[in-house]
């Protein structure tokens, strides 16, 4: 059984992980330094990137469609 391929290329996947980590680290730092709620934007961006990474993982784990026996 072959694994399916995701919709992100390996390079895009690495960049998504980098973006997630940077946004996830920046959110608590901004919360400490800024008195308003603008740090929530970084948190929302990190969550959106995480959803894309999870969706790509789910697509990759699905078995690839093989040739039909028809």
PDB file of N, CA and C in Angstrom:
ATOM      1  N   UNK A   1       0.840  -1.175   0.000  1.00  0.00           N
ATOM      2  CA  UNK A   1       0.000   0.000   0.000  1.00  0.00           C
ATOM      3  C   UNK A   1       0.887   1.241   0.000  1.00  0.00           C
ATOM      4  N   UNK A   2       0.630   2.124  -0.931  1.00  0.00           N
ATOM      5  CA  UNK A   2       1.423   3.344  -1.032  1.00  0.00           C
ATOM      6  C   UNK A   2       0.759   4.467  -0.234  1.00  0.00           C
ATOM      7  N   UNK A   3       1.595   5.359   0.237  1.00  0.00           N
ATOM      8  CA  UNK A   3       1.089   6.534   0.925  1.00  0.00           C
ATOM      9  C   UNK A   3       0.680   7.582  -0.098  1.00  0.00           C
ATOM     10  N   UNK A   4      -0.376   8.318   0.190  1.00  0.00           N
ATOM     11  CA  UNK A   4      -0.780   9.411  -0.685  1.00  0.00           C
ATOM     12  C   UNK A   4       0.174  10.581  -0.539  1.00  0.00           C
ATOM     13  N   UNK A   5       0.140  11.479  -1.488  1.00  0.00           N
ATOM     14  CA  UNK A   5       0.985  12.667  -1.385  1.00  0.00           C
ATOM     15  C   UNK A   5       0.127  13.831  -0.918  1.00  0.00           C
ATOM     16  N   UNK A   6       0.706  14.693  -0.142  1.00  0.00           N
ATOM     17  CA  UNK A   6      -0.014  15.847   0.380  1.00  0.00           C
ATOM     18  C   UNK A   6      -0.088  16.957  -0.657  1.00  0.00           C
ATOM     19  N   UNK A   7      -0.761  18.017  -0.292  1.00  0.00           N
ATOM     20  CA  UNK A   7      -0.894  19.146  -1.206  1.00  0.00           C
ATOM     21  C   UNK A   7       0.225  20.154  -1.032  1.00  0.00           C
ATOM     22  N   UNK A   8       1.066  19.975  -0.019  1.00  0.00           N
ATOM     23  CA  UNK A   8       2.236  20.832   0.165  1.00  0.00           C
ATOM     24  C   UNK A   8       3.480  20.113  -0.345  1.00  0.00           C
ATOM     25  N   UNK A   9       4.354  20.858  -1.006  1.00  0.00           N
ATOM     26  CA  UNK A   9       5.639  20.294  -1.393  1.00  0.00           C
ATOM     27  C   UNK A   9       6.516  20.230  -0.140  1.00  0.00           C
ATOM     28  N   UNK A  10       7.583  19.451  -0.173  1.00  0.00           N
ATOM     29  CA  UNK A  10       8.463  19.398   1.012  1.00  0.00           C
ATOM     30  C   UNK A  10       8.987  20.780   1.426  1.00  0.00           C
ATOM     31  N   UNK A  11       9.284  21.627   0.457  1.00  0.00           N
ATOM     32  CA  UNK A  11       9.773  22.979   0.783  1.00  0.00           C
ATOM     33  C   UNK A  11       8.677  23.805   1.454  1.00  0.00           C
ATOM     34  N   UNK A  12       7.461  23.730   0.914  1.00  0.00           N
ATOM     35  CA  UNK A  12       6.344  24.461   1.510  1.00  0.00           C
ATOM     36  C   UNK A  12       6.051  23.943   2.912  1.00  0.00           C
ATOM     37  N   UNK A  13       6.212  22.652   3.099  1.00  0.00           N
ATOM     38  CA  UNK A  13       5.968  22.054   4.409  1.00  0.00           C
ATOM     39  C   UNK A  13       6.983  22.556   5.432  1.00  0.00           C
ATOM     40  N   UNK A  14       8.254  22.630   5.035  1.00  0.00           N
ATOM     41  CA  UNK A  14       9.274  23.173   5.943  1.00  0.00           C
ATOM     42  C   UNK A  14       8.992  24.630   6.271  1.00  0.00           C
ATOM     43  N   UNK A  15       8.596  25.414   5.266  1.00  0.00           N
ATOM     44  CA  UNK A  15       8.287  26.824   5.508  1.00  0.00           C
ATOM     45  C   UNK A  15       7.053  26.977   6.400  1.00  0.00           C
ATOM     46  N   UNK A  16       6.078  26.094   6.248  1.00  0.00           N
ATOM     47  CA  UNK A  16       4.893  26.142   7.103  1.00  0.00           C
ATOM     48  C   UNK A  16       5.273  25.859   8.552  1.00  0.00           C
ATOM     49  N   UNK A  17       6.134  24.874   8.766  1.00  0.00           N
ATOM     50  CA  UNK A  17       6.593  24.586  10.125  1.00  0.00           C
ATOM     51  C   UNK A  17       7.377  25.770  10.706  1.00  0.00           C
ATOM     52  N   UNK A  18       8.219  26.381   9.883  1.00  0.00           N
ATOM     53  CA  UNK A  18       8.983  27.541  10.348  1.00  0.00           C
ATOM     54  C   UNK A  18       8.046  28.694  10.707  1.00  0.00           C
ATOM     55  N   UNK A  19       7.064  28.958   9.842  1.00  0.00           N
ATOM     56  CA  UNK A  19       6.090  30.015  10.122  1.00  0.00           C
ATOM     57  C   UNK A  19       5.292  29.737  11.378  1.00  0.00           C
ATOM     58  N   UNK A  20       4.897  28.476  11.556  1.00  0.00           N
ATOM     59  CA  UNK A  20       4.159  28.107  12.766  1.00  0.00           C
ATOM     60  C   UNK A  20       4.995  28.354  14.011  1.00  0.00           C
ATOM     61  N   UNK A  21       6.235  27.895  13.990  1.00  0.00           N
ATOM     62  CA  UNK A  21       7.087  28.065  15.165  1.00  0.00           C
ATOM     63  C   UNK A  21       7.359  29.535  15.469  1.00  0.00           C
ATOM     64  N   UNK A  22       7.624  30.324  14.436  1.00  0.00           N
ATOM     65  CA  UNK A  22       7.892  31.750  14.662  1.00  0.00           C
ATOM     66  C   UNK A  22       6.657  32.469  15.222  1.00  0.00           C
ATOM     67  N   UNK A  23       5.490  32.183  14.664  1.00  0.00           N
ATOM     68  CA  UNK A  23       4.270  32.833  15.153  1.00  0.00           C
ATOM     69  C   UNK A  23       3.915  32.356  16.556  1.00  0.00           C
ATOM     70  N   UNK A  24       4.132  31.077  16.832  1.00  0.00           N
ATOM     71  CA  UNK A  24       3.825  30.541  18.159  1.00  0.00           C
ATOM     72  C   UNK A  24       4.772  31.095  19.223  1.00  0.00           C
ATOM     73  N   UNK A  25       6.011  31.362  18.850  1.00  0.00           N
ATOM     74  CA  UNK A  25       6.963  31.952  19.801  1.00  0.00           C
ATOM     75  C   UNK A  25       6.711  33.437  19.971  1.00  0.00           C
ATOM     76  N   UNK A  26       6.318  34.101  18.887  1.00  0.00           N
ATOM     77  CA  UNK A  26       6.127  35.551  18.932  1.00  0.00           C
ATOM     78  C   UNK A  26       4.902  35.947  19.755  1.00  0.00           C
ATOM     79  N   UNK A  27       3.873  35.121  19.784  1.00  0.00           N
ATOM     80  CA  UNK A  27       2.627  35.470  20.476  1.00  0.00           C
ATOM     81  C   UNK A  27       2.836  35.706  21.982  1.00  0.00           C
ATOM     82  N   UNK A  28       3.441  34.796  22.725  1.00  0.00           N
ATOM     83  CA  UNK A  28       3.613  35.075  24.158  1.00  0.00           C
ATOM     84  C   UNK A  28       4.602  36.205  24.446  1.00  0.00           C
ATOM     85  N   UNK A  29       5.598  36.355  23.564  1.00  0.00           N
ATOM     86  CA  UNK A  29       6.541  37.456  23.747  1.00  0.00           C
ATOM     87  C   UNK A  29       5.815  38.783  23.567  1.00  0.00           C
ATOM     88  N   UNK A  30       4.986  38.890  22.548  1.00  0.00           N
ATOM     89  CA  UNK A  30       4.225  40.118  22.315  1.00  0.00           C
ATOM     90  C   UNK A  30       3.221  40.358  23.432  1.00  0.00           C
ATOM     91  N   UNK A  31       2.654  39.302  23.994  1.00  0.00           N
ATOM     92  CA  UNK A  31       1.702  39.460  25.099  1.00  0.00           C
ATOM     93  C   UNK A  31       2.368  40.089  26.312  1.00  0.00           C
ATOM     94  N   UNK A  32       3.628  39.762  26.537  1.00  0.00           N
ATOM     95  CA  UNK A  32       4.359  40.350  27.664  1.00  0.00           C
ATOM     96  C   UNK A  32       4.750  41.800  27.396  1.00  0.00           C
ATOM     97  N   UNK A  33       5.084  42.113  26.131  1.00  0.00           N
ATOM     98  CA  UNK A  33       5.625  43.433  25.819  1.00  0.00           C
ATOM     99  C   UNK A  33       4.572  44.470  25.441  1.00  0.00           C
ATOM    100  N   UNK A  34       3.417  44.031  24.912  1.00  0.00           N
ATOM    101  CA  UNK A  34       2.400  44.957  24.407  1.00  0.00           C
ATOM    102  C   UNK A  34       1.189  44.898  25.320  1.00  0.00           C
ATOM    103  N   UNK A  35       0.641  46.053  25.635  1.00  0.00           N
ATOM    104  CA  UNK A  35      -0.478  46.084  26.573  1.00  0.00           C
ATOM    105  C   UNK A  35      -1.832  45.808  25.914  1.00  0.00           C
ATOM    106  N   UNK A  36      -1.938  45.958  24.602  1.00  0.00           N
ATOM    107  CA  UNK A  36      -3.222  45.684  23.948  1.00  0.00           C
ATOM    108  C   UNK A  36      -3.309  44.210  23.525  1.00  0.00           C
ATOM    109  N   UNK A  37      -4.391  43.842  22.877  1.00  0.00           N
ATOM    110  CA  UNK A  37      -4.612  42.457  22.498  1.00  0.00           C
ATOM    111  C   UNK A  37      -4.124  42.099  21.116  1.00  0.00           C
ATOM    112  N   UNK A  38      -3.188  42.855  20.553  1.00  0.00           N
ATOM    113  CA  UNK A  38      -2.724  42.576  19.197  1.00  0.00           C
ATOM    114  C   UNK A  38      -1.942  41.270  19.098  1.00  0.00           C
ATOM    115  N   UNK A  39      -1.474  40.720  20.202  1.00  0.00           N
ATOM    116  CA  UNK A  39      -0.760  39.451  20.192  1.00  0.00           C
ATOM    117  C   UNK A  39      -1.676  38.304  19.780  1.00  0.00           C
ATOM    118  N   UNK A  40      -2.987  38.503  19.898  1.00  0.00           N
ATOM    119  CA  UNK A  40      -3.924  37.454  19.491  1.00  0.00           C
ATOM    120  C   UNK A  40      -3.830  37.160  18.000  1.00  0.00           C
ATOM    121  N   UNK A  41      -3.460  38.166  17.207  1.00  0.00           N
ATOM    122  CA  UNK A  41      -3.307  37.954  15.771  1.00  0.00           C
ATOM    123  C   UNK A  41      -2.248  36.895  15.495  1.00  0.00           C
ATOM    124  N   UNK A  42      -1.127  36.951  16.199  1.00  0.00           N
ATOM    125  CA  UNK A  42      -0.072  35.950  16.025  1.00  0.00           C
ATOM    126  C   UNK A  42      -0.556  34.562  16.420  1.00  0.00           C
ATOM    127  N   UNK A  43      -1.352  34.503  17.448  1.00  0.00           N
ATOM    128  CA  UNK A  43      -1.893  33.224  17.885  1.00  0.00           C
ATOM    129  C   UNK A  43      -2.838  32.641  16.836  1.00  0.00           C
ATOM    130  N   UNK A  44      -3.684  33.470  16.259  1.00  0.00           N
ATOM    131  CA  UNK A  44      -4.615  33.016  15.226  1.00  0.00           C
ATOM    132  C   UNK A  44      -3.849  32.557  13.985  1.00  0.00           C
ATOM    133  N   UNK A  45      -2.821  33.291  13.586  1.00  0.00           N
ATOM    134  CA  UNK A  45      -2.013  32.891  12.429  1.00  0.00           C
ATOM    135  C   UNK A  45      -1.343  31.547  12.696  1.00  0.00           C
ATOM    136  N   UNK A  46      -0.800  31.355  13.892  1.00  0.00           N
ATOM    137  CA  UNK A  46      -0.161  30.083  14.233  1.00  0.00           C
ATOM    138  C   UNK A  46      -1.170  28.935  14.178  1.00  0.00           C
ATOM    139  N   UNK A  47      -2.383  29.176  14.650  1.00  0.00           N
ATOM    140  CA  UNK A  47      -3.413  28.133  14.605  1.00  0.00           C
ATOM    141  C   UNK A  47      -3.824  27.806  13.173  1.00  0.00           C
ATOM    142  N   UNK A  48      -3.928  28.820  12.324  1.00  0.00           N
ATOM    143  CA  UNK A  48      -4.293  28.575  10.926  1.00  0.00           C
ATOM    144  C   UNK A  48      -3.211  27.775  10.204  1.00  0.00           C
ATOM    145  N   UNK A  49      -1.957  28.099  10.446  1.00  0.00           N
ATOM    146  CA  UNK A  49      -0.862  27.354   9.823  1.00  0.00           C
ATOM    147  C   UNK A  49      -0.843  25.922  10.357  1.00  0.00           C
ATOM    148  N   UNK A  50      -1.124  25.743  11.632  1.00  0.00           N
ATOM    149  CA  UNK A  50      -1.176  24.400  12.210  1.00  0.00           C
ATOM    150  C   UNK A  50      -2.280  23.568  11.558  1.00  0.00           C
ATOM    151  N   UNK A  51      -3.417  24.180  11.274  1.00  0.00           N
ATOM    152  CA  UNK A  51      -4.509  23.465  10.608  1.00  0.00           C
ATOM    153  C   UNK A  51      -4.088  23.015   9.215  1.00  0.00           C
ATOM    154  N   UNK A  52      -3.369  23.858   8.495  1.00  0.00           N
ATOM    155  CA  UNK A  52      -2.892  23.481   7.160  1.00  0.00           C
ATOM    156  C   UNK A  52      -1.912  22.314   7.258  1.00  0.00           C
ATOM    157  N   UNK A  53      -1.015  22.331   8.232  1.00  0.00           N
ATOM    158  CA  UNK A  53      -0.052  21.245   8.405  1.00  0.00           C
ATOM    159  C   UNK A  53      -0.779  19.943   8.762  1.00  0.00           C
ATOM    160  N   UNK A  54      -1.773  20.020   9.635  1.00  0.00           N
ATOM    161  CA  UNK A  54      -2.544  18.830  10.018  1.00  0.00           C
ATOM    162  C   UNK A  54      -3.314  18.281   8.823  1.00  0.00           C
ATOM    163  N   UNK A  55      -3.903  19.168   8.016  1.00  0.00           N
ATOM    164  CA  UNK A  55      -4.636  18.710   6.827  1.00  0.00           C
ATOM    165  C   UNK A  55      -3.691  18.042   5.835  1.00  0.00           C
ATOM    166  N   UNK A  56      -2.487  18.579   5.680  1.00  0.00           N
ATOM    167  CA  UNK A  56      -1.507  17.962   4.789  1.00  0.00           C
ATOM    168  C   UNK A  56      -1.088  16.600   5.323  1.00  0.00           C
ATOM    169  N   UNK A  57      -0.908  16.475   6.635  1.00  0.00           N
ATOM    170  CA  UNK A  57      -0.583  15.175   7.237  1.00  0.00           C
ATOM    171  C   UNK A  57      -1.682  14.156   6.959  1.00  0.00           C
ATOM    172  N   UNK A  58      -2.924  14.573   7.127  1.00  0.00           N
ATOM    173  CA  UNK A  58      -4.046  13.658   6.902  1.00  0.00           C
ATOM    174  C   UNK A  58      -4.095  13.205   5.442  1.00  0.00           C
ATOM    175  N   UNK A  59      -3.799  14.122   4.527  1.00  0.00           N
ATOM    176  CA  UNK A  59      -3.789  13.771   3.108  1.00  0.00           C
ATOM    177  C   UNK A  59      -2.648  12.808   2.798  1.00  0.00           C
ATOM    178  N   UNK A  60      -1.509  13.007   3.425  1.00  0.00           N
ATOM    179  CA  UNK A  60      -0.364  12.125   3.186  1.00  0.00           C
ATOM    180  C   UNK A  60      -0.595  10.727   3.747  1.00  0.00           C
ATOM    181  N   UNK A  61      -1.311  10.608   4.838  1.00  0.00           N
ATOM    182  CA  UNK A  61      -1.534   9.312   5.474  1.00  0.00           C
ATOM    183  C   UNK A  61      -2.601   8.479   4.771  1.00  0.00           C
ATOM    184  N   UNK A  62      -3.424   9.124   3.967  1.00  0.00           N
ATOM    185  CA  UNK A  62      -4.448   8.397   3.236  1.00  0.00           C
ATOM    186  C   UNK A  62      -3.784   7.543   2.162  1.00  0.00           C
ATOM    187  N   UNK A  63      -4.239   6.299   1.980  1.00  0.00           N
ATOM    188  CA  UNK A  63      -3.623   5.461   0.945  1.00  0.00           C
ATOM    189  C   UNK A  63      -3.826   6.061  -0.445  1.00  0.00           C
ATOM    190  N   UNK A  64      -2.806   5.895  -1.270  1.00  0.00           N
ATOM    191  CA  UNK A  64      -2.877   6.421  -2.642  1.00  0.00           C
ATOM    192  C   UNK A  64      -3.864   5.596  -3.451  1.00  0.00           C
ATOM    193  N   UNK A  65      -4.554   6.257  -4.358  1.00  0.00           N
ATOM    194  CA  UNK A  65      -5.491   5.570  -5.247  1.00  0.00           C
ATOM    195  C   UNK A  65      -4.674   4.791  -6.279  1.00  0.00           C
ATOM    196  N   UNK A  66      -4.843   3.496  -6.294  1.00  0.00           N
ATOM    197  CA  UNK A  66      -4.144   2.660  -7.262  1.00  0.00           C
ATOM    198  C   UNK A  66      -4.997   2.451  -8.502  1.00  0.00           C
ATOM    199  N   UNK A  67      -4.425   1.812  -9.498  1.00  0.00           N
ATOM    200  CA  UNK A  67      -5.229   1.528 -10.704  1.00  0.00           C
ATOM    201  C   UNK A  67      -6.358   0.565 -10.366  1.00  0.00           C
ATOM    202  N   UNK A  68      -7.515   0.814 -10.922  1.00  0.00           N
ATOM    203  CA  UNK A  68      -8.676  -0.032 -10.619  1.00  0.00           C
ATOM    204  C   UNK A  68      -8.587  -1.337 -11.408  1.00  0.00           C
ATOM    205  N   UNK A  69      -9.259  -2.365 -10.931  1.00  0.00           N
ATOM    206  CA  UNK A  69      -9.224  -3.683 -11.556  1.00  0.00           C
ATOM    207  C   UNK A  69     -10.290  -3.834 -12.619  1.00  0.00           C
ATOM    208  N   UNK A  70     -10.939  -2.747 -13.006  1.00  0.00           N
ATOM    209  CA  UNK A  70     -12.021  -2.820 -14.005  1.00  0.00           C
ATOM    210  C   UNK A  70     -11.519  -3.097 -15.385  1.00  0.00           C
TER     211      UNK A  70
END
